[in-house]
Amino acid sequence: MGDVLDFLPQAEGFDVIYSVFGAVWFVEPAKLLPLVRSSLLRGGVFAFSHLPPNGLEGPTAGKAVTKWHYSPTRWVELLVRHGFQAEADVIPAPVAGPGTMLVRARS
């Protein structure tokens, strides 16, 4: 988790940054989103996925780590606040299950 916060300030010029059930779920958005935005080239894409919030909102402490749970609408609001154009959807699971939230943003 700390790795992305250490890496992105030194990185530059990405066309795409993506996280699949990774850093976006485990790192405070107020810290992560500005770093992602500054690391993307103009028009770059930021995409991430994790489980839908299932009624949870905000940081929730688990046994080992804190996860940031937001609705698709709230993720879009957070991303727009940090300079992105964004959209988010929940993709239903092909069989019984929670599905996957997929968020796409452009700098």
PDB file of N, CA and C in Angstrom:
ATOM      1  N   MET A   1       0.824  -1.185   0.000  1.00  0.00           N
ATOM      2  CA  MET A   1       0.000   0.000   0.000  1.00  0.00           C
ATOM      3  C   MET A   1       0.866   1.244   0.000  1.00  0.00           C
ATOM      4  N   GLY A   2       1.854   1.269   0.852  1.00  0.00           N
ATOM      5  CA  GLY A   2       2.735   2.416   0.868  1.00  0.00           C
ATOM      6  C   GLY A   2       3.547   2.518  -0.404  1.00  0.00           C
ATOM      7  N   ASP A   3       3.719   1.406  -1.097  1.00  0.00           N
ATOM      8  CA  ASP A   3       4.537   1.415  -2.307  1.00  0.00           C
ATOM      9  C   ASP A   3       4.015   2.379  -3.357  1.00  0.00           C
ATOM     10  N   VAL A   4       2.724   2.395  -3.596  1.00  0.00           N
ATOM     11  CA  VAL A   4       2.179   3.274  -4.617  1.00  0.00           C
ATOM     12  C   VAL A   4       2.371   4.734  -4.223  1.00  0.00           C
ATOM     13  N   LEU A   5       2.263   5.046  -2.945  1.00  0.00           N
ATOM     14  CA  LEU A   5       2.467   6.418  -2.487  1.00  0.00           C
ATOM     15  C   LEU A   5       3.924   6.844  -2.613  1.00  0.00           C
ATOM     16  N   ASP A   6       4.837   5.888  -2.546  1.00  0.00           N
ATOM     17  CA  ASP A   6       6.254   6.182  -2.747  1.00  0.00           C
ATOM     18  C   ASP A   6       6.622   6.232  -4.230  1.00  0.00           C
ATOM     19  N   PHE A   7       6.009   5.369  -5.019  1.00  0.00           N
ATOM     20  CA  PHE A   7       6.361   5.235  -6.430  1.00  0.00           C
ATOM     21  C   PHE A   7       5.834   6.385  -7.289  1.00  0.00           C
ATOM     22  N   LEU A   8       4.559   6.702  -7.160  1.00  0.00           N
ATOM     23  CA  LEU A   8       3.954   7.674  -8.070  1.00  0.00           C
ATOM     24  C   LEU A   8       4.590   9.064  -8.058  1.00  0.00           C
ATOM     25  N   PRO A   9       5.024   9.601  -6.918  1.00  0.00           N
ATOM     26  CA  PRO A   9       5.654  10.930  -6.969  1.00  0.00           C
ATOM     27  C   PRO A   9       6.930  10.958  -7.810  1.00  0.00           C
ATOM     28  N   GLN A  10       7.559   9.814  -7.990  1.00  0.00           N
ATOM     29  CA  GLN A  10       8.785   9.744  -8.780  1.00  0.00           C
ATOM     30  C   GLN A  10       8.523   9.370 -10.229  1.00  0.00           C
ATOM     31  N   ALA A  11       7.302   8.950 -10.522  1.00  0.00           N
ATOM     32  CA  ALA A  11       6.948   8.481 -11.864  1.00  0.00           C
ATOM     33  C   ALA A  11       6.321   9.624 -12.655  1.00  0.00           C
ATOM     34  N   GLU A  12       6.373   9.487 -13.947  1.00  0.00           N
ATOM     35  CA  GLU A  12       5.749  10.503 -14.793  1.00  0.00           C
ATOM     36  C   GLU A  12       5.399   9.925 -16.151  1.00  0.00           C
ATOM     37  N   GLY A  13       4.378  10.489 -16.749  1.00  0.00           N
ATOM     38  CA  GLY A  13       4.076  10.202 -18.131  1.00  0.00           C
ATOM     39  C   GLY A  13       3.415   8.887 -18.445  1.00  0.00           C
ATOM     40  N   PHE A  14       2.479   8.443 -17.645  1.00  0.00           N
ATOM     41  CA  PHE A  14       1.760   7.215 -17.949  1.00  0.00           C
ATOM     42  C   PHE A  14       0.559   7.493 -18.836  1.00  0.00           C
ATOM     43  N   ASP A  15       0.333   6.621 -19.803  1.00  0.00           N
ATOM     44  CA  ASP A  15      -0.887   6.667 -20.607  1.00  0.00           C
ATOM     45  C   ASP A  15      -2.042   6.024 -19.863  1.00  0.00           C
ATOM     46  N   VAL A  16      -1.740   4.992 -19.081  1.00  0.00           N
ATOM     47  CA  VAL A  16      -2.764   4.242 -18.352  1.00  0.00           C
ATOM     48  C   VAL A  16      -2.213   3.847 -16.983  1.00  0.00           C
ATOM     49  N   ILE A  17      -3.060   3.982 -15.978  1.00  0.00           N
ATOM     50  CA  ILE A  17      -2.793   3.439 -14.648  1.00  0.00           C
ATOM     51  C   ILE A  17      -4.023   2.627 -14.282  1.00  0.00           C
ATOM     52  N   TYR A  18      -3.815   1.387 -13.856  1.00  0.00           N
ATOM     53  CA  TYR A  18      -4.964   0.579 -13.463  1.00  0.00           C
ATOM     54  C   TYR A  18      -4.665  -0.202 -12.191  1.00  0.00           C
ATOM     55  N   SER A  19      -5.739  -0.515 -11.495  1.00  0.00           N
ATOM     56  CA  SER A  19      -5.645  -1.248 -10.243  1.00  0.00           C
ATOM     57  C   SER A  19      -6.789  -2.255 -10.211  1.00  0.00           C
ATOM     58  N   VAL A  20      -6.464  -3.509 -10.121  1.00  0.00           N
ATOM     59  CA  VAL A  20      -7.474  -4.561 -10.062  1.00  0.00           C
ATOM     60  C   VAL A  20      -7.472  -5.110  -8.634  1.00  0.00           C
ATOM     61  N   PHE A  21      -8.492  -4.749  -7.874  1.00  0.00           N
ATOM     62  CA  PHE A  21      -8.602  -5.157  -6.476  1.00  0.00           C
ATOM     63  C   PHE A  21      -7.301  -4.823  -5.742  1.00  0.00           C
ATOM     64  N   GLY A  22      -6.746  -3.634  -6.011  1.00  0.00           N
ATOM     65  CA  GLY A  22      -5.446  -3.267  -5.458  1.00  0.00           C
ATOM     66  C   GLY A  22      -5.430  -1.945  -4.729  1.00  0.00           C
ATOM     67  N   ALA A  23      -4.449  -1.112  -5.069  1.00  0.00           N
ATOM     68  CA  ALA A  23      -4.135   0.106  -4.319  1.00  0.00           C
ATOM     69  C   ALA A  23      -5.333   1.018  -4.084  1.00  0.00           C
ATOM     70  N   VAL A  24      -6.204   1.161  -5.057  1.00  0.00           N
ATOM     71  CA  VAL A  24      -7.332   2.081  -4.900  1.00  0.00           C
ATOM     72  C   VAL A  24      -8.232   1.653  -3.750  1.00  0.00           C
ATOM     73  N   TRP A  25      -8.351   0.388  -3.543  1.00  0.00           N
ATOM     74  CA  TRP A  25      -9.202  -0.115  -2.471  1.00  0.00           C
ATOM     75  C   TRP A  25      -8.551   0.055  -1.099  1.00  0.00           C
ATOM     76  N   PHE A  26      -7.224   0.118  -1.065  1.00  0.00           N
ATOM     77  CA  PHE A  26      -6.490   0.082   0.195  1.00  0.00           C
ATOM     78  C   PHE A  26      -5.776   1.377   0.570  1.00  0.00           C
ATOM     79  N   VAL A  27      -5.830   2.402  -0.280  1.00  0.00           N
ATOM     80  CA  VAL A  27      -5.116   3.649  -0.005  1.00  0.00           C
ATOM     81  C   VAL A  27      -6.119   4.800   0.032  1.00  0.00           C
ATOM     82  N   GLU A  28      -5.977   5.661   0.997  1.00  0.00           N
ATOM     83  CA  GLU A  28      -6.887   6.790   1.159  1.00  0.00           C
ATOM     84  C   GLU A  28      -6.975   7.604  -0.142  1.00  0.00           C
ATOM     85  N   PRO A  29      -8.182   7.771  -0.685  1.00  0.00           N
ATOM     86  CA  PRO A  29      -8.338   8.482  -1.955  1.00  0.00           C
ATOM     87  C   PRO A  29      -7.748   9.894  -1.963  1.00  0.00           C
ATOM     88  N   ALA A  30      -7.838  10.615  -0.851  1.00  0.00           N
ATOM     89  CA  ALA A  30      -7.307  11.977  -0.790  1.00  0.00           C
ATOM     90  C   ALA A  30      -5.796  12.008  -0.992  1.00  0.00           C
ATOM     91  N   LYS A  31      -5.119  10.911  -0.668  1.00  0.00           N
ATOM     92  CA  LYS A  31      -3.673  10.809  -0.893  1.00  0.00           C
ATOM     93  C   LYS A  31      -3.366  10.247  -2.278  1.00  0.00           C
ATOM     94  N   LEU A  32      -4.139   9.260  -2.696  1.00  0.00           N
ATOM     95  CA  LEU A  32      -3.832   8.547  -3.936  1.00  0.00           C
ATOM     96  C   LEU A  32      -4.248   9.301  -5.197  1.00  0.00           C
ATOM     97  N   LEU A  33      -5.455   9.816  -5.230  1.00  0.00           N
ATOM     98  CA  LEU A  33      -5.975  10.398  -6.477  1.00  0.00           C
ATOM     99  C   LEU A  33      -5.147  11.565  -7.018  1.00  0.00           C
ATOM    100  N   PRO A  34      -4.666  12.504  -6.183  1.00  0.00           N
ATOM    101  CA  PRO A  34      -3.807  13.558  -6.745  1.00  0.00           C
ATOM    102  C   PRO A  34      -2.515  13.011  -7.365  1.00  0.00           C
ATOM    103  N   LEU A  35      -1.957  11.963  -6.756  1.00  0.00           N
ATOM    104  CA  LEU A  35      -0.733  11.369  -7.304  1.00  0.00           C
ATOM    105  C   LEU A  35      -1.001  10.685  -8.643  1.00  0.00           C
ATOM    106  N   VAL A  36      -2.109   9.977  -8.736  1.00  0.00           N
ATOM    107  CA  VAL A  36      -2.467   9.332 -10.002  1.00  0.00           C
ATOM    108  C   VAL A  36      -2.669  10.402 -11.065  1.00  0.00           C
ATOM    109  N   ARG A  37      -3.409  11.445 -10.734  1.00  0.00           N
ATOM    110  CA  ARG A  37      -3.712  12.514 -11.702  1.00  0.00           C
ATOM    111  C   ARG A  37      -2.429  13.164 -12.209  1.00  0.00           C
ATOM    112  N   SER A  38      -1.491  13.442 -11.330  1.00  0.00           N
ATOM    113  CA  SER A  38      -0.254  14.103 -11.755  1.00  0.00           C
ATOM    114  C   SER A  38       0.682  13.161 -12.509  1.00  0.00           C
ATOM    115  N   SER A  39       0.476  11.859 -12.386  1.00  0.00           N
ATOM    116  CA  SER A  39       1.330  10.889 -13.078  1.00  0.00           C
ATOM    117  C   SER A  39       0.830  10.530 -14.473  1.00  0.00           C
ATOM    118  N   LEU A  40      -0.416  10.890 -14.783  1.00  0.00           N
ATOM    119  CA  LEU A  40      -0.986  10.573 -16.093  1.00  0.00           C
ATOM    120  C   LEU A  40      -0.684  11.655 -17.113  1.00  0.00           C
ATOM    121  N   LEU A  41      -0.435  11.236 -18.331  1.00  0.00           N
ATOM    122  CA  LEU A  41      -0.339  12.190 -19.433  1.00  0.00           C
ATOM    123  C   LEU A  41      -1.722  12.773 -19.709  1.00  0.00           C
ATOM    124  N   ARG A  42      -1.765  13.888 -20.374  1.00  0.00           N
ATOM    125  CA  ARG A  42      -3.047  14.500 -20.737  1.00  0.00           C
ATOM    126  C   ARG A  42      -3.881  13.476 -21.520  1.00  0.00           C
ATOM    127  N   GLY A  43      -5.110  13.274 -21.100  1.00  0.00           N
ATOM    128  CA  GLY A  43      -5.980  12.290 -21.734  1.00  0.00           C
ATOM    129  C   GLY A  43      -5.741  10.863 -21.280  1.00  0.00           C
ATOM    130  N   GLY A  44      -4.826  10.672 -20.317  1.00  0.00           N
ATOM    131  CA  GLY A  44      -4.524   9.337 -19.824  1.00  0.00           C
ATOM    132  C   GLY A  44      -5.710   8.717 -19.104  1.00  0.00           C
ATOM    133  N   VAL A  45      -5.699   7.408 -19.020  1.00  0.00           N
ATOM    134  CA  VAL A  45      -6.811   6.660 -18.435  1.00  0.00           C
ATOM    135  C   VAL A  45      -6.399   6.060 -17.096  1.00  0.00           C
ATOM    136  N   PHE A  46      -7.289   6.204 -16.133  1.00  0.00           N
ATOM    137  CA  PHE A  46      -7.154   5.572 -14.824  1.00  0.00           C
ATOM    138  C   PHE A  46      -8.343   4.640 -14.679  1.00  0.00           C
ATOM    139  N   ALA A  47      -8.086   3.365 -14.476  1.00  0.00           N
ATOM    140  CA  ALA A  47      -9.164   2.384 -14.341  1.00  0.00           C
ATOM    141  C   ALA A  47      -8.887   1.512 -13.129  1.00  0.00           C
ATOM    142  N   PHE A  48      -9.962   1.192 -12.408  1.00  0.00           N
ATOM    143  CA  PHE A  48      -9.788   0.307 -11.272  1.00  0.00           C
ATOM    144  C   PHE A  48     -11.062  -0.467 -11.008  1.00  0.00           C
ATOM    145  N   SER A  49     -10.882  -1.579 -10.286  1.00  0.00           N
ATOM    146  CA  SER A  49     -12.032  -2.404  -9.926  1.00  0.00           C
ATOM    147  C   SER A  49     -11.847  -2.928  -8.518  1.00  0.00           C
ATOM    148  N   HIS A  50     -12.963  -3.151  -7.887  1.00  0.00           N
ATOM    149  CA  HIS A  50     -13.013  -3.857  -6.616  1.00  0.00           C
ATOM    150  C   HIS A  50     -14.459  -4.246  -6.355  1.00  0.00           C
ATOM    151  N   LEU A  51     -14.710  -4.891  -5.239  1.00  0.00           N
ATOM    152  CA  LEU A  51     -16.070  -5.321  -4.924  1.00  0.00           C
ATOM    153  C   LEU A  51     -16.987  -4.117  -4.754  1.00  0.00           C
ATOM    154  N   PRO A  52     -18.266  -4.257  -5.074  1.00  0.00           N
ATOM    155  CA  PRO A  52     -19.224  -3.188  -4.791  1.00  0.00           C
ATOM    156  C   PRO A  52     -19.275  -2.932  -3.283  1.00  0.00           C
ATOM    157  N   PRO A  53     -19.694  -1.729  -2.872  1.00  0.00           N
ATOM    158  CA  PRO A  53     -19.654  -1.386  -1.449  1.00  0.00           C
ATOM    159  C   PRO A  53     -20.655  -2.126  -0.578  1.00  0.00           C
ATOM    160  N   ASN A  54     -21.724  -2.668  -1.171  1.00  0.00           N
ATOM    161  CA  ASN A  54     -22.724  -3.437  -0.409  1.00  0.00           C
ATOM    162  C   ASN A  54     -23.167  -2.732   0.873  1.00  0.00           C
ATOM    163  N   GLY A  55     -23.491  -1.453   0.736  1.00  0.00           N
ATOM    164  CA  GLY A  55     -24.003  -0.685   1.862  1.00  0.00           C
ATOM    165  C   GLY A  55     -22.944  -0.012   2.714  1.00  0.00           C
ATOM    166  N   LEU A  56     -21.677  -0.345   2.524  1.00  0.00           N
ATOM    167  CA  LEU A  56     -20.606   0.298   3.283  1.00  0.00           C
ATOM    168  C   LEU A  56     -20.253   1.623   2.610  1.00  0.00           C
ATOM    169  N   GLU A  57     -19.797   2.574   3.398  1.00  0.00           N
ATOM    170  CA  GLU A  57     -19.401   3.872   2.828  1.00  0.00           C
ATOM    171  C   GLU A  57     -18.215   4.403   3.612  1.00  0.00           C
ATOM    172  N   GLY A  58     -17.148   4.733   2.901  1.00  0.00           N
ATOM    173  CA  GLY A  58     -15.962   5.282   3.533  1.00  0.00           C
ATOM    174  C   GLY A  58     -14.994   4.207   3.973  1.00  0.00           C
ATOM    175  N   PRO A  59     -14.022   4.593   4.801  1.00  0.00           N
ATOM    176  CA  PRO A  59     -13.013   3.627   5.246  1.00  0.00           C
ATOM    177  C   PRO A  59     -13.601   2.651   6.257  1.00  0.00           C
ATOM    178  N   THR A  60     -13.262   1.392   6.079  1.00  0.00           N
ATOM    179  CA  THR A  60     -13.681   0.363   7.022  1.00  0.00           C
ATOM    180  C   THR A  60     -12.454  -0.450   7.417  1.00  0.00           C
ATOM    181  N   ALA A  61     -12.242  -0.576   8.690  1.00  0.00           N
ATOM    182  CA  ALA A  61     -11.084  -1.308   9.193  1.00  0.00           C
ATOM    183  C   ALA A  61     -11.381  -2.795   9.176  1.00  0.00           C
ATOM    184  N   GLY A  62     -10.515  -3.536   8.538  1.00  0.00           N
ATOM    185  CA  GLY A  62     -10.622  -4.987   8.533  1.00  0.00           C
ATOM    186  C   GLY A  62      -9.663  -5.581   9.541  1.00  0.00           C
ATOM    187  N   LYS A  63      -9.473  -6.881   9.457  1.00  0.00           N
ATOM    188  CA  LYS A  63      -8.560  -7.555  10.381  1.00  0.00           C
ATOM    189  C   LYS A  63      -7.125  -7.088  10.184  1.00  0.00           C
ATOM    190  N   ALA A  64      -6.730  -6.877   8.936  1.00  0.00           N
ATOM    191  CA  ALA A  64      -5.338  -6.515   8.663  1.00  0.00           C
ATOM    192  C   ALA A  64      -5.185  -5.119   8.072  1.00  0.00           C
ATOM    193  N   VAL A  65      -6.175  -4.661   7.288  1.00  0.00           N
ATOM    194  CA  VAL A  65      -6.035  -3.385   6.590  1.00  0.00           C
ATOM    195  C   VAL A  65      -7.370  -2.641   6.556  1.00  0.00           C
ATOM    196  N   THR A  66      -7.273  -1.354   6.229  1.00  0.00           N
ATOM    197  CA  THR A  66      -8.462  -0.547   5.995  1.00  0.00           C
ATOM    198  C   THR A  66      -8.749  -0.550   4.505  1.00  0.00           C
ATOM    199  N   LYS A  67     -10.035  -0.647   4.150  1.00  0.00           N
ATOM    200  CA  LYS A  67     -10.464  -0.563   2.751  1.00  0.00           C
ATOM    201  C   LYS A  67     -11.382   0.636   2.600  1.00  0.00           C
ATOM    202  N   TRP A  68     -11.316   1.277   1.439  1.00  0.00           N
ATOM    203  CA  TRP A  68     -12.189   2.404   1.150  1.00  0.00           C
ATOM    204  C   TRP A  68     -13.333   1.923   0.272  1.00  0.00           C
ATOM    205  N   HIS A  69     -14.521   1.934   0.840  1.00  0.00           N
ATOM    206  CA  HIS A  69     -15.737   1.489   0.157  1.00  0.00           C
ATOM    207  C   HIS A  69     -16.559   2.708  -0.242  1.00  0.00           C
ATOM    208  N   TYR A  70     -16.812   2.860  -1.516  1.00  0.00           N
ATOM    209  CA  TYR A  70     -17.679   3.932  -1.993  1.00  0.00           C
ATOM    210  C   TYR A  70     -18.584   3.395  -3.081  1.00  0.00           C
ATOM    211  N   SER A  71     -19.734   4.013  -3.204  1.00  0.00           N
ATOM    212  CA  SER A  71     -20.657   3.665  -4.283  1.00  0.00           C
ATOM    213  C   SER A  71     -20.068   4.149  -5.597  1.00  0.00           C
ATOM    214  N   PRO A  72     -20.548   3.618  -6.722  1.00  0.00           N
ATOM    215  CA  PRO A  72     -20.074   4.134  -8.012  1.00  0.00           C
ATOM    216  C   PRO A  72     -20.252   5.650  -8.116  1.00  0.00           C
ATOM    217  N   THR A  73     -21.386   6.164  -7.654  1.00  0.00           N
ATOM    218  CA  THR A  73     -21.642   7.613  -7.724  1.00  0.00           C
ATOM    219  C   THR A  73     -20.622   8.383  -6.902  1.00  0.00           C
ATOM    220  N   ARG A  74     -20.312   7.899  -5.722  1.00  0.00           N
ATOM    221  CA  ARG A  74     -19.347   8.590  -4.858  1.00  0.00           C
ATOM    222  C   ARG A  74     -17.951   8.543  -5.452  1.00  0.00           C
ATOM    223  N   TRP A  75     -17.543   7.418  -6.072  1.00  0.00           N
ATOM    224  CA  TRP A  75     -16.233   7.365  -6.719  1.00  0.00           C
ATOM    225  C   TRP A  75     -16.154   8.400  -7.832  1.00  0.00           C
ATOM    226  N   VAL A  76     -17.217   8.523  -8.612  1.00  0.00           N
ATOM    227  CA  VAL A  76     -17.219   9.525  -9.687  1.00  0.00           C
ATOM    228  C   VAL A  76     -17.053  10.920  -9.085  1.00  0.00           C
ATOM    229  N   GLU A  77     -17.775  11.216  -8.018  1.00  0.00           N
ATOM    230  CA  GLU A  77     -17.647  12.527  -7.372  1.00  0.00           C
ATOM    231  C   GLU A  77     -16.214  12.782  -6.897  1.00  0.00           C
ATOM    232  N   LEU A  78     -15.605  11.801  -6.268  1.00  0.00           N
ATOM    233  CA  LEU A  78     -14.226  11.954  -5.797  1.00  0.00           C
ATOM    234  C   LEU A  78     -13.262  12.186  -6.953  1.00  0.00           C
ATOM    235  N   LEU A  79     -13.426  11.432  -8.010  1.00  0.00           N
ATOM    236  CA  LEU A  79     -12.544  11.580  -9.171  1.00  0.00           C
ATOM    237  C   LEU A  79     -12.720  12.936  -9.843  1.00  0.00           C
ATOM    238  N   VAL A  80     -13.946  13.375 -10.004  1.00  0.00           N
ATOM    239  CA  VAL A  80     -14.197  14.693 -10.608  1.00  0.00           C
ATOM    240  C   VAL A  80     -13.556  15.784  -9.748  1.00  0.00           C
ATOM    241  N   ARG A  81     -13.681  15.662  -8.450  1.00  0.00           N
ATOM    242  CA  ARG A  81     -13.075  16.640  -7.540  1.00  0.00           C
ATOM    243  C   ARG A  81     -11.559  16.715  -7.728  1.00  0.00           C
ATOM    244  N   HIS A  82     -10.953  15.614  -8.178  1.00  0.00           N
ATOM    245  CA  HIS A  82      -9.502  15.581  -8.388  1.00  0.00           C
ATOM    246  C   HIS A  82      -9.105  15.773  -9.858  1.00  0.00           C
ATOM    247  N   GLY A  83     -10.021  16.303 -10.668  1.00  0.00           N
ATOM    248  CA  GLY A  83      -9.667  16.686 -12.029  1.00  0.00           C
ATOM    249  C   GLY A  83      -9.886  15.650 -13.107  1.00  0.00           C
ATOM    250  N   PHE A  84     -10.624  14.607 -12.829  1.00  0.00           N
ATOM    251  CA  PHE A  84     -10.896  13.560 -13.806  1.00  0.00           C
ATOM    252  C   PHE A  84     -12.302  13.705 -14.389  1.00  0.00           C
ATOM    253  N   GLN A  85     -12.501  13.137 -15.549  1.00  0.00           N
ATOM    254  CA  GLN A  85     -13.824  12.821 -16.072  1.00  0.00           C
ATOM    255  C   GLN A  85     -13.986  11.338 -15.774  1.00  0.00           C
ATOM    256  N   ALA A  86     -15.133  10.945 -15.202  1.00  0.00           N
ATOM    257  CA  ALA A  86     -15.212   9.564 -14.726  1.00  0.00           C
ATOM    258  C   ALA A  86     -16.594   8.960 -14.902  1.00  0.00           C
ATOM    259  N   GLU A  87     -16.610   7.639 -14.937  1.00  0.00           N
ATOM    260  CA  GLU A  87     -17.848   6.868 -14.922  1.00  0.00           C
ATOM    261  C   GLU A  87     -17.584   5.581 -14.153  1.00  0.00           C
ATOM    262  N   ALA A  88     -18.647   5.038 -13.556  1.00  0.00           N
ATOM    263  CA  ALA A  88     -18.488   3.832 -12.748  1.00  0.00           C
ATOM    264  C   ALA A  88     -19.749   2.987 -12.864  1.00  0.00           C
ATOM    265  N   ASP A  89     -19.557   1.683 -12.861  1.00  0.00           N
ATOM    266  CA  ASP A  89     -20.653   0.734 -12.965  1.00  0.00           C
ATOM    267  C   ASP A  89     -20.349  -0.479 -12.114  1.00  0.00           C
ATOM    268  N   VAL A  90     -21.402  -1.194 -11.764  1.00  0.00           N
ATOM    269  CA  VAL A  90     -21.236  -2.507 -11.135  1.00  0.00           C
ATOM    270  C   VAL A  90     -21.599  -3.549 -12.185  1.00  0.00           C
ATOM    271  N   ILE A  91     -20.677  -4.440 -12.439  1.00  0.00           N
ATOM    272  CA  ILE A  91     -20.894  -5.523 -13.394  1.00  0.00           C
ATOM    273  C   ILE A  91     -21.378  -6.730 -12.598  1.00  0.00           C
ATOM    274  N   PRO A  92     -22.581  -7.214 -12.885  1.00  0.00           N
ATOM    275  CA  PRO A  92     -23.095  -8.360 -12.122  1.00  0.00           C
ATOM    276  C   PRO A  92     -22.214  -9.597 -12.322  1.00  0.00           C
ATOM    277  N   ALA A  93     -22.166 -10.413 -11.286  1.00  0.00           N
ATOM    278  CA  ALA A  93     -21.440 -11.680 -11.377  1.00  0.00           C
ATOM    279  C   ALA A  93     -22.187 -12.612 -12.322  1.00  0.00           C
ATOM    280  N   PRO A  94     -21.477 -13.458 -13.085  1.00  0.00           N
ATOM    281  CA  PRO A  94     -22.150 -14.384 -13.997  1.00  0.00           C
ATOM    282  C   PRO A  94     -22.952 -15.454 -13.255  1.00  0.00           C
ATOM    283  N   VAL A  95     -22.586 -15.694 -12.027  1.00  0.00           N
ATOM    284  CA  VAL A  95     -23.341 -16.603 -11.147  1.00  0.00           C
ATOM    285  C   VAL A  95     -23.567 -15.842  -9.845  1.00  0.00           C
ATOM    286  N   ALA A  96     -24.228 -16.423  -8.890  1.00  0.00           N
ATOM    287  CA  ALA A  96     -24.502 -15.726  -7.631  1.00  0.00           C
ATOM    288  C   ALA A  96     -23.214 -15.147  -7.040  1.00  0.00           C
ATOM    289  N   GLY A  97     -23.289 -13.914  -6.644  1.00  0.00           N
ATOM    290  CA  GLY A  97     -22.125 -13.257  -6.066  1.00  0.00           C
ATOM    291  C   GLY A  97     -22.294 -11.757  -6.117  1.00  0.00           C
ATOM    292  N   PRO A  98     -21.329 -11.029  -5.571  1.00  0.00           N
ATOM    293  CA  PRO A  98     -21.481  -9.574  -5.454  1.00  0.00           C
ATOM    294  C   PRO A  98     -21.208  -8.787  -6.729  1.00  0.00           C
ATOM    295  N   GLY A  99     -20.562  -9.375  -7.727  1.00  0.00           N
ATOM    296  CA  GLY A  99     -20.195  -8.630  -8.920  1.00  0.00           C
ATOM    297  C   GLY A  99     -18.903  -7.862  -8.703  1.00  0.00           C
ATOM    298  N   THR A 100     -18.617  -6.948  -9.621  1.00  0.00           N
ATOM    299  CA  THR A 100     -17.396  -6.150  -9.580  1.00  0.00           C
ATOM    300  C   THR A 100     -17.729  -4.713  -9.939  1.00  0.00           C
ATOM    301  N   MET A 101     -17.214  -3.777  -9.160  1.00  0.00           N
ATOM    302  CA  MET A 101     -17.344  -2.375  -9.520  1.00  0.00           C
ATOM    303  C   MET A 101     -16.176  -2.023 -10.440  1.00  0.00           C
ATOM    304  N   LEU A 102     -16.478  -1.415 -11.577  1.00  0.00           N
ATOM    305  CA  LEU A 102     -15.472  -0.989 -12.533  1.00  0.00           C
ATOM    306  C   LEU A 102     -15.594   0.515 -12.681  1.00  0.00           C
ATOM    307  N   VAL A 103     -14.482   1.205 -12.456  1.00  0.00           N
ATOM    308  CA  VAL A 103     -14.443   2.653 -12.540  1.00  0.00           C
ATOM    309  C   VAL A 103     -13.428   3.050 -13.599  1.00  0.00           C
ATOM    310  N   ARG A 104     -13.833   3.975 -14.479  1.00  0.00           N
ATOM    311  CA  ARG A 104     -12.971   4.455 -15.545  1.00  0.00           C
ATOM    312  C   ARG A 104     -12.909   5.975 -15.479  1.00  0.00           C
ATOM    313  N   ALA A 105     -11.692   6.515 -15.553  1.00  0.00           N
ATOM    314  CA  ALA A 105     -11.517   7.955 -15.474  1.00  0.00           C
ATOM    315  C   ALA A 105     -10.492   8.382 -16.501  1.00  0.00           C
ATOM    316  N   ARG A 106     -10.626   9.614 -16.942  1.00  0.00           N
ATOM    317  CA  ARG A 106      -9.694  10.182 -17.915  1.00  0.00           C
ATOM    318  C   ARG A 106      -9.204  11.519 -17.381  1.00  0.00           C
ATOM    319  N   SER A 107      -7.898  11.746 -17.519  1.00  0.00           N
ATOM    320  CA  SER A 107      -7.326  13.005 -17.030  1.00  0.00           C
ATOM    321  C   SER A 107      -7.610  14.128 -18.009  1.00  0.00           C
TER     322      SER A 107
END
